[in-house]
Amino acid sequence: MNGFKQLTFLAIFFIVIYVVKSSIYTVSEVEQVIITQFGKPVGLPVTNAGLKFKLPFIQDVNPIDKRVLEWDGTPSDMPTKDKLYISVDLYARWRITAPLQYFLRLRDERSAQSRLDDILGSETRNAVAKHELIEIIRTTKNREPLRDELLTETEREQKLGALVPINKGRKLVEQEIFKAAAEKVHVFGIELLDIRFKRINYNASVRPKIYDRMISERRQIAERFLSEGNGEAARIRGNRVRDLNKIQSEAYHQVEQIRGLADAKATEIYSSAYNQSPEAIAFYEFTRMMQSYKSIIGKNTTLVLSTDSDLFKFLKGMSPDNNVSINIKE
């Protein structure tokens, strides 16, 4: 009998512990709780941290995060007002401010993320479609561009390297998306805190146009540099030819001067050497005549000379060889 009482007491003890444990729950600092009874919310949301009580077995605890949560959308392609496709990656920060409304409409965070995908994705497409590409890319409205200092005045007047003017910019476009989306998510008990463009990439069909524009601007500058380089090269080549001609002319002048002085000096030496006696003069005439024969008379040479010429005087007594034919007619 005593053993049965002990078993009964232990059973009652464990039942009481289980009932107490089922009726006690804790709420952390980062949570808020909705109590449901048979699946329907009862009472007000529990937002204060601590130890709380509920009816055991028939009531359930549904924790809801009250921290700032992150929404990170997937990149998607969308057209701009100027019919250019870009890939937009958006992120946002949000939190649950009306937990009961949130629980009734969405139940859990996964459903909330899915609804944010639809709303923010739709509003982003609408905003992008209403603005040109430059409005979404640029941030500062009146920013002065850094332009190449080597640009000429004509190129500056053509606005080469200048920025395309904008009316709004990326920040105002983000504000438009935020304002439109915040009103729509408010009905779900959600407060949208902030949104930002995480990344904006050119679509594959847009990139060639952007690159072509960049290449065209760089090519204009390169062609100007090439033209200036060719002009400078032509000027240098002209100066080189002029300087070369000048050097050659001066060198030729100096050569002729040296040669004239040398000839004059040689003539002076010859004159002083051969004028010393009649025999020296005769010897000089003889050697000069022999040198002239060497340059005048060749193979099959025919000379017509008068009998009183100096050339004839020495040829008259010359015996002919096989290569030179001498016919003397007086």
Protein backbone atom coordinates (compact mmCIF):
# COMPACT_ATOMS: atom_id res chain seq x y z
CA MET A 1 0.00 0.00 0.00
CA ASN A 2 2.82 2.39 0.84
CA GLY A 3 4.47 1.63 -2.52
CA PHE A 4 1.26 2.47 -4.36
CA LYS A 5 1.02 5.79 -2.55
CA GLN A 6 4.63 6.57 -3.44
CA LEU A 7 3.99 5.84 -7.11
CA THR A 8 0.85 7.97 -7.06
CA PHE A 9 2.74 10.83 -5.41
CA LEU A 10 5.54 10.62 -7.96
CA ALA A 11 3.04 10.59 -10.82
CA ILE A 12 1.21 13.61 -9.44
CA PHE A 13 4.55 15.35 -8.91
CA PHE A 14 5.69 14.83 -12.47
CA ILE A 15 2.28 15.89 -13.80
CA VAL A 16 2.43 19.10 -11.80
CA ILE A 17 5.99 19.79 -13.04
CA TYR A 18 4.90 19.17 -16.63
CA VAL A 19 1.86 21.43 -16.25
CA VAL A 20 3.97 24.18 -14.66
CA LYS A 21 6.61 23.81 -17.36
CA SER A 22 3.94 24.01 -20.08
CA SER A 23 2.52 27.19 -18.56
CA ILE A 24 5.86 29.02 -18.23
CA TYR A 25 7.84 30.54 -21.10
CA THR A 26 10.54 33.17 -21.44
CA VAL A 27 10.76 36.17 -23.75
CA SER A 28 14.28 37.27 -24.73
CA GLU A 29 15.41 40.84 -25.31
CA VAL A 30 15.29 40.42 -29.11
CA GLU A 31 11.84 38.81 -29.30
CA GLN A 32 8.18 39.61 -29.01
CA VAL A 33 5.59 36.90 -28.54
CA ILE A 34 2.08 36.21 -29.83
CA ILE A 35 0.04 33.72 -27.75
CA THR A 36 -2.35 31.61 -29.80
CA GLN A 37 -5.14 29.42 -28.54
CA PHE A 38 -6.21 26.72 -30.99
CA GLY A 39 -4.34 28.64 -33.68
CA LYS A 40 -5.94 32.03 -33.01
CA PRO A 41 -4.14 34.93 -31.27
CA VAL A 42 -5.34 35.77 -27.78
CA GLY A 43 -4.52 38.84 -25.79
CA LEU A 44 -1.99 41.50 -26.63
CA PRO A 45 1.50 40.82 -27.95
CA VAL A 46 4.11 40.27 -25.26
CA THR A 47 6.94 42.69 -25.93
CA ASN A 48 8.71 42.82 -22.54
CA ALA A 49 11.50 40.38 -21.83
CA GLY A 50 11.26 38.03 -18.86
CA LEU A 51 9.45 34.99 -17.47
CA LYS A 52 5.80 34.75 -18.59
CA PHE A 53 2.81 32.46 -18.03
CA LYS A 54 0.18 30.96 -20.33
CA LEU A 55 -2.49 28.33 -20.19
CA PRO A 56 -0.88 24.93 -20.53
CA PHE A 57 -1.63 22.59 -23.41
CA ILE A 58 -4.15 24.82 -25.20
CA GLN A 59 -2.00 27.92 -25.76
CA ASP A 60 1.12 28.13 -27.92
CA VAL A 61 4.00 30.61 -27.96
CA ASN A 62 4.86 32.23 -31.33
CA PRO A 63 8.11 34.23 -31.07
CA ILE A 64 8.60 37.14 -33.47
CA ASP A 65 11.92 38.88 -33.96
CA LYS A 66 11.94 42.56 -33.06
CA ARG A 67 15.46 43.34 -34.29
CA VAL A 68 16.29 45.20 -37.48
CA LEU A 69 16.12 42.57 -40.21
CA GLU A 70 17.79 42.40 -43.60
CA TRP A 71 16.22 41.93 -47.01
CA ASP A 72 18.65 41.20 -49.83
CA GLY A 73 17.01 40.93 -53.21
CA THR A 74 18.29 38.89 -56.12
CA PRO A 75 19.72 40.85 -59.10
CA SER A 76 17.21 41.24 -61.92
CA ASP A 77 17.27 42.84 -65.36
CA MET A 78 14.96 45.76 -66.02
CA PRO A 79 14.66 48.48 -68.69
CA THR A 80 15.29 52.17 -68.12
CA LYS A 81 13.38 55.05 -69.67
CA ASP A 82 15.91 55.26 -72.51
CA LYS A 83 15.34 51.55 -73.32
CA LEU A 84 18.61 50.29 -71.86
CA TYR A 85 18.59 47.11 -69.80
CA ILE A 86 20.47 47.07 -66.51
CA SER A 87 20.89 44.50 -63.76
CA VAL A 88 19.79 45.96 -60.41
CA ASP A 89 20.67 44.48 -57.02
CA LEU A 90 18.75 46.10 -54.12
CA TYR A 91 18.91 45.59 -50.36
CA ALA A 92 16.73 46.92 -47.54
CA ARG A 93 16.43 47.04 -43.73
CA TRP A 94 13.08 46.47 -41.97
CA ARG A 95 11.55 45.53 -38.65
CA ILE A 96 8.24 44.33 -37.26
CA THR A 97 6.40 47.13 -35.44
CA ALA A 98 2.90 45.61 -35.24
CA PRO A 99 3.48 41.95 -34.31
CA LEU A 100 -0.21 40.99 -34.10
CA GLN A 101 -0.94 42.45 -37.54
CA TYR A 102 2.24 40.85 -38.88
CA PHE A 103 1.24 37.46 -37.46
CA LEU A 104 -2.27 37.62 -38.86
CA ARG A 105 -1.13 38.63 -42.35
CA LEU A 106 2.19 36.83 -42.78
CA ARG A 107 2.73 34.41 -39.87
CA ASP A 108 6.52 34.01 -40.31
CA GLU A 109 9.65 35.70 -41.65
CA ARG A 110 9.82 33.57 -44.77
CA SER A 111 6.44 34.86 -45.90
CA ALA A 112 7.54 38.40 -45.07
CA GLN A 113 10.68 38.04 -47.17
CA SER A 114 8.61 36.73 -50.08
CA ARG A 115 6.19 39.66 -49.82
CA LEU A 116 9.09 42.13 -49.68
CA ASP A 117 10.49 40.50 -52.82
CA ASP A 118 7.25 41.26 -54.64
CA ILE A 119 6.74 44.80 -53.35
CA LEU A 120 10.31 46.09 -53.53
CA GLY A 121 10.94 44.35 -56.85
CA SER A 122 7.81 45.91 -58.35
CA GLU A 123 8.56 49.41 -57.07
CA THR A 124 12.16 49.19 -58.23
CA ARG A 125 11.02 48.27 -61.74
CA ASN A 126 8.56 51.16 -61.78
CA ALA A 127 11.19 53.67 -60.62
CA VAL A 128 13.85 52.43 -63.04
CA ALA A 129 11.39 52.51 -65.95
CA LYS A 130 10.57 56.18 -65.21
CA HIS A 131 14.18 57.39 -65.25
CA GLU A 132 17.02 57.34 -67.71
CA LEU A 133 20.13 55.31 -67.05
CA ILE A 134 22.27 58.31 -66.11
CA GLU A 135 19.77 59.32 -63.39
CA ILE A 136 20.18 55.93 -61.71
CA ILE A 137 23.96 55.79 -62.04
CA ARG A 138 24.92 59.32 -60.99
CA THR A 139 24.54 60.63 -57.43
CA THR A 140 25.73 64.25 -57.42
CA LYS A 141 23.69 66.63 -59.52
CA ASN A 142 26.18 69.46 -60.05
CA ARG A 143 29.47 67.57 -59.88
CA GLU A 144 32.30 69.03 -61.94
CA PRO A 145 34.10 66.40 -64.01
CA LEU A 146 37.84 65.87 -63.94
CA ARG A 147 38.84 66.67 -67.51
CA ASP A 148 42.14 66.02 -69.22
CA GLU A 149 44.40 69.06 -69.03
CA LEU A 150 45.71 68.27 -72.51
CA LEU A 151 42.33 68.93 -74.13
CA THR A 152 42.36 71.80 -76.60
CA GLU A 153 39.96 74.72 -76.42
CA THR A 154 38.03 73.35 -79.40
CA GLU A 155 37.60 69.99 -77.69
CA ARG A 156 36.46 71.70 -74.52
CA GLU A 157 33.87 73.67 -76.51
CA GLN A 158 32.67 70.36 -77.94
CA LYS A 159 32.21 69.22 -74.31
CA LEU A 160 34.54 66.31 -74.80
CA GLY A 161 34.80 64.50 -71.46
CA ALA A 162 31.91 66.53 -69.95
CA LEU A 163 29.25 64.86 -67.79
CA VAL A 164 25.68 64.46 -68.95
CA PRO A 165 23.43 66.69 -66.79
CA ILE A 166 20.94 64.98 -64.45
CA ASN A 167 17.73 66.16 -62.75
CA LYS A 168 17.47 63.80 -59.76
CA GLY A 169 20.23 61.24 -59.26
CA ARG A 170 20.39 57.87 -57.58
CA LYS A 171 19.57 59.09 -54.06
CA LEU A 172 16.24 60.61 -55.08
CA VAL A 173 15.36 57.49 -57.08
CA GLU A 174 16.05 55.41 -53.95
CA GLN A 175 13.79 57.73 -51.96
CA GLU A 176 11.01 57.27 -54.49
CA ILE A 177 11.26 53.48 -54.17
CA PHE A 178 11.39 53.74 -50.37
CA LYS A 179 8.35 55.99 -50.13
CA ALA A 180 6.19 53.85 -52.41
CA ALA A 181 7.24 50.54 -50.84
CA ALA A 182 6.95 51.77 -47.21
CA GLU A 183 3.23 52.49 -47.65
CA LYS A 184 2.57 49.03 -49.05
CA VAL A 185 4.47 47.04 -46.41
CA HIS A 186 2.94 49.05 -43.55
CA VAL A 187 -0.31 47.07 -43.80
CA PHE A 188 1.64 43.93 -42.86
CA GLY A 189 2.88 45.44 -39.59
CA ILE A 190 6.30 46.08 -41.08
CA GLU A 191 8.29 49.31 -40.96
CA LEU A 192 10.66 49.79 -43.87
CA LEU A 193 13.76 51.53 -42.51
CA ASP A 194 16.02 52.00 -45.51
CA ILE A 195 16.76 50.78 -49.02
CA ARG A 196 19.86 51.11 -51.17
CA PHE A 197 21.06 50.08 -54.58
CA LYS A 198 23.66 47.45 -53.79
CA ARG A 199 24.94 47.05 -57.32
CA ILE A 200 23.96 48.29 -60.77
CA ASN A 201 25.56 46.47 -63.68
CA TYR A 202 25.18 47.13 -67.35
CA ASN A 203 23.32 44.44 -69.19
CA ALA A 204 25.26 42.53 -71.86
CA SER A 205 23.37 44.45 -74.57
CA VAL A 206 24.27 47.81 -73.00
CA ARG A 207 27.96 47.27 -72.35
CA PRO A 208 29.10 47.46 -76.02
CA LYS A 209 27.38 50.86 -76.40
CA ILE A 210 29.06 52.21 -73.28
CA TYR A 211 32.43 50.83 -74.32
CA ASP A 212 32.01 52.23 -77.85
CA ARG A 213 31.33 55.68 -76.43
CA MET A 214 34.39 55.51 -74.18
CA ILE A 215 36.52 54.23 -77.05
CA SER A 216 35.24 57.00 -79.34
CA GLU A 217 36.21 59.73 -76.87
CA ARG A 218 39.64 58.21 -76.26
CA ARG A 219 40.12 57.76 -80.01
CA GLN A 220 39.46 61.45 -80.66
CA ILE A 221 42.14 62.40 -78.16
CA ALA A 222 44.51 59.75 -79.54
CA GLU A 223 44.01 60.98 -83.11
CA ARG A 224 44.80 64.53 -82.02
CA PHE A 225 47.95 63.35 -80.27
CA LEU A 226 48.87 61.30 -83.35
CA SER A 227 48.34 64.30 -85.63
CA GLU A 228 50.44 66.52 -83.39
CA GLY A 229 53.10 63.79 -83.25
CA ASN A 230 53.18 63.45 -87.04
CA GLY A 231 53.51 67.21 -87.41
CA GLU A 232 56.34 67.32 -84.90
CA ALA A 233 58.03 64.36 -86.64
CA ALA A 234 57.77 66.13 -90.03
CA ARG A 235 59.24 69.29 -88.50
CA ILE A 236 62.12 67.31 -86.99
CA ARG A 237 62.77 65.52 -90.29
CA GLY A 238 62.74 68.84 -92.16
CA ASN A 239 65.19 70.33 -89.69
CA ARG A 240 67.37 67.24 -90.00
CA VAL A 241 67.49 67.50 -93.81
CA ARG A 242 68.18 71.24 -93.63
CA ASP A 243 70.94 70.78 -91.05
CA LEU A 244 72.40 67.89 -93.07
CA ASN A 245 72.46 69.99 -96.25
CA LYS A 246 74.04 72.85 -94.34
CA ILE A 247 76.72 70.56 -92.88
CA GLN A 248 77.42 69.00 -96.28
CA SER A 249 77.61 72.43 -97.92
CA GLU A 250 79.98 73.74 -95.30
CA ALA A 251 82.06 70.55 -95.50
CA TYR A 252 82.22 70.74 -99.29
CA HIS A 253 83.23 74.39 -99.05
CA GLN A 254 85.99 73.51 -96.61
CA VAL A 255 87.12 70.59 -98.80
CA GLU A 256 87.30 72.81 -101.86
CA GLN A 257 89.20 75.42 -99.91
CA ILE A 258 91.68 72.83 -98.66
CA ARG A 259 91.96 71.30 -102.10
CA GLY A 260 92.56 74.72 -103.71
CA LEU A 261 95.20 75.55 -101.12
CA ALA A 262 96.80 72.14 -101.67
CA ASP A 263 96.84 72.57 -105.44
CA ALA A 264 98.28 76.04 -105.09
CA LYS A 265 100.89 74.74 -102.67
CA ALA A 266 101.71 71.81 -104.99
CA THR A 267 101.98 74.16 -107.94
CA GLU A 268 104.23 76.41 -105.95
CA ILE A 269 106.44 73.47 -104.99
CA TYR A 270 106.56 72.20 -108.57
CA SER A 271 107.34 75.68 -109.84
CA SER A 272 110.14 76.23 -107.37
CA ALA A 273 111.54 72.74 -108.05
CA TYR A 274 111.48 72.82 -111.85
CA ASN A 275 112.49 76.47 -112.36
CA GLN A 276 115.89 75.96 -110.84
CA SER A 277 117.57 75.16 -114.26
CA PRO A 278 116.72 74.65 -117.99
CA GLU A 279 117.34 70.94 -117.56
CA ALA A 280 114.82 70.79 -114.70
CA ILE A 281 112.27 72.60 -116.84
CA ALA A 282 112.84 70.16 -119.71
CA PHE A 283 112.58 67.20 -117.33
CA TYR A 284 109.34 68.57 -115.90
CA GLU A 285 107.89 68.97 -119.39
CA PHE A 286 108.96 65.44 -120.25
CA THR A 287 107.37 63.86 -117.12
CA ARG A 288 104.16 65.80 -117.58
CA MET A 289 103.99 64.74 -121.20
CA MET A 290 104.52 61.08 -120.25
CA GLN A 291 101.66 61.32 -117.73
CA SER A 292 99.41 62.83 -120.37
CA TYR A 293 100.24 59.98 -122.79
CA LYS A 294 99.18 57.49 -120.15
CA SER A 295 95.79 59.10 -119.76
CA ILE A 296 95.26 59.93 -123.48
CA ILE A 297 96.53 56.91 -125.36
CA GLY A 298 94.75 53.60 -124.86
CA LYS A 299 93.91 50.52 -126.85
CA ASN A 300 92.95 51.31 -130.47
CA THR A 301 93.48 55.01 -129.92
CA THR A 302 93.61 57.30 -132.93
CA LEU A 303 95.20 60.74 -132.55
CA VAL A 304 95.19 63.51 -135.11
CA LEU A 305 98.04 65.90 -134.27
CA SER A 306 99.83 68.71 -135.97
CA THR A 307 103.57 68.33 -136.49
CA ASP A 308 104.42 71.30 -134.30
CA SER A 309 102.48 70.11 -131.23
CA ASP A 310 104.28 68.96 -128.07
CA LEU A 311 102.53 65.59 -128.09
CA PHE A 312 103.77 64.85 -131.59
CA LYS A 313 107.37 65.67 -130.68
CA PHE A 314 107.78 62.60 -128.43
CA LEU A 315 105.51 60.26 -130.39
CA LYS A 316 107.51 60.72 -133.54
CA GLY A 317 110.43 58.72 -132.26
CA MET A 318 108.30 56.04 -130.45
CA SER A 319 108.32 52.46 -131.83
CA PRO A 320 104.81 51.02 -132.01
CA ASP A 321 103.73 47.88 -130.06
CA ASN A 322 100.93 45.43 -130.65
CA ASN A 323 98.23 47.50 -128.98
CA VAL A 324 99.04 50.96 -130.29
CA SER A 325 98.97 51.83 -133.95
CA ILE A 326 100.90 55.00 -134.90
CA ASN A 327 100.58 56.38 -138.38
CA ILE A 328 102.63 59.49 -138.93
CA LYS A 329 101.83 61.69 -141.89
CA GLU A 330 103.75 64.85 -142.39
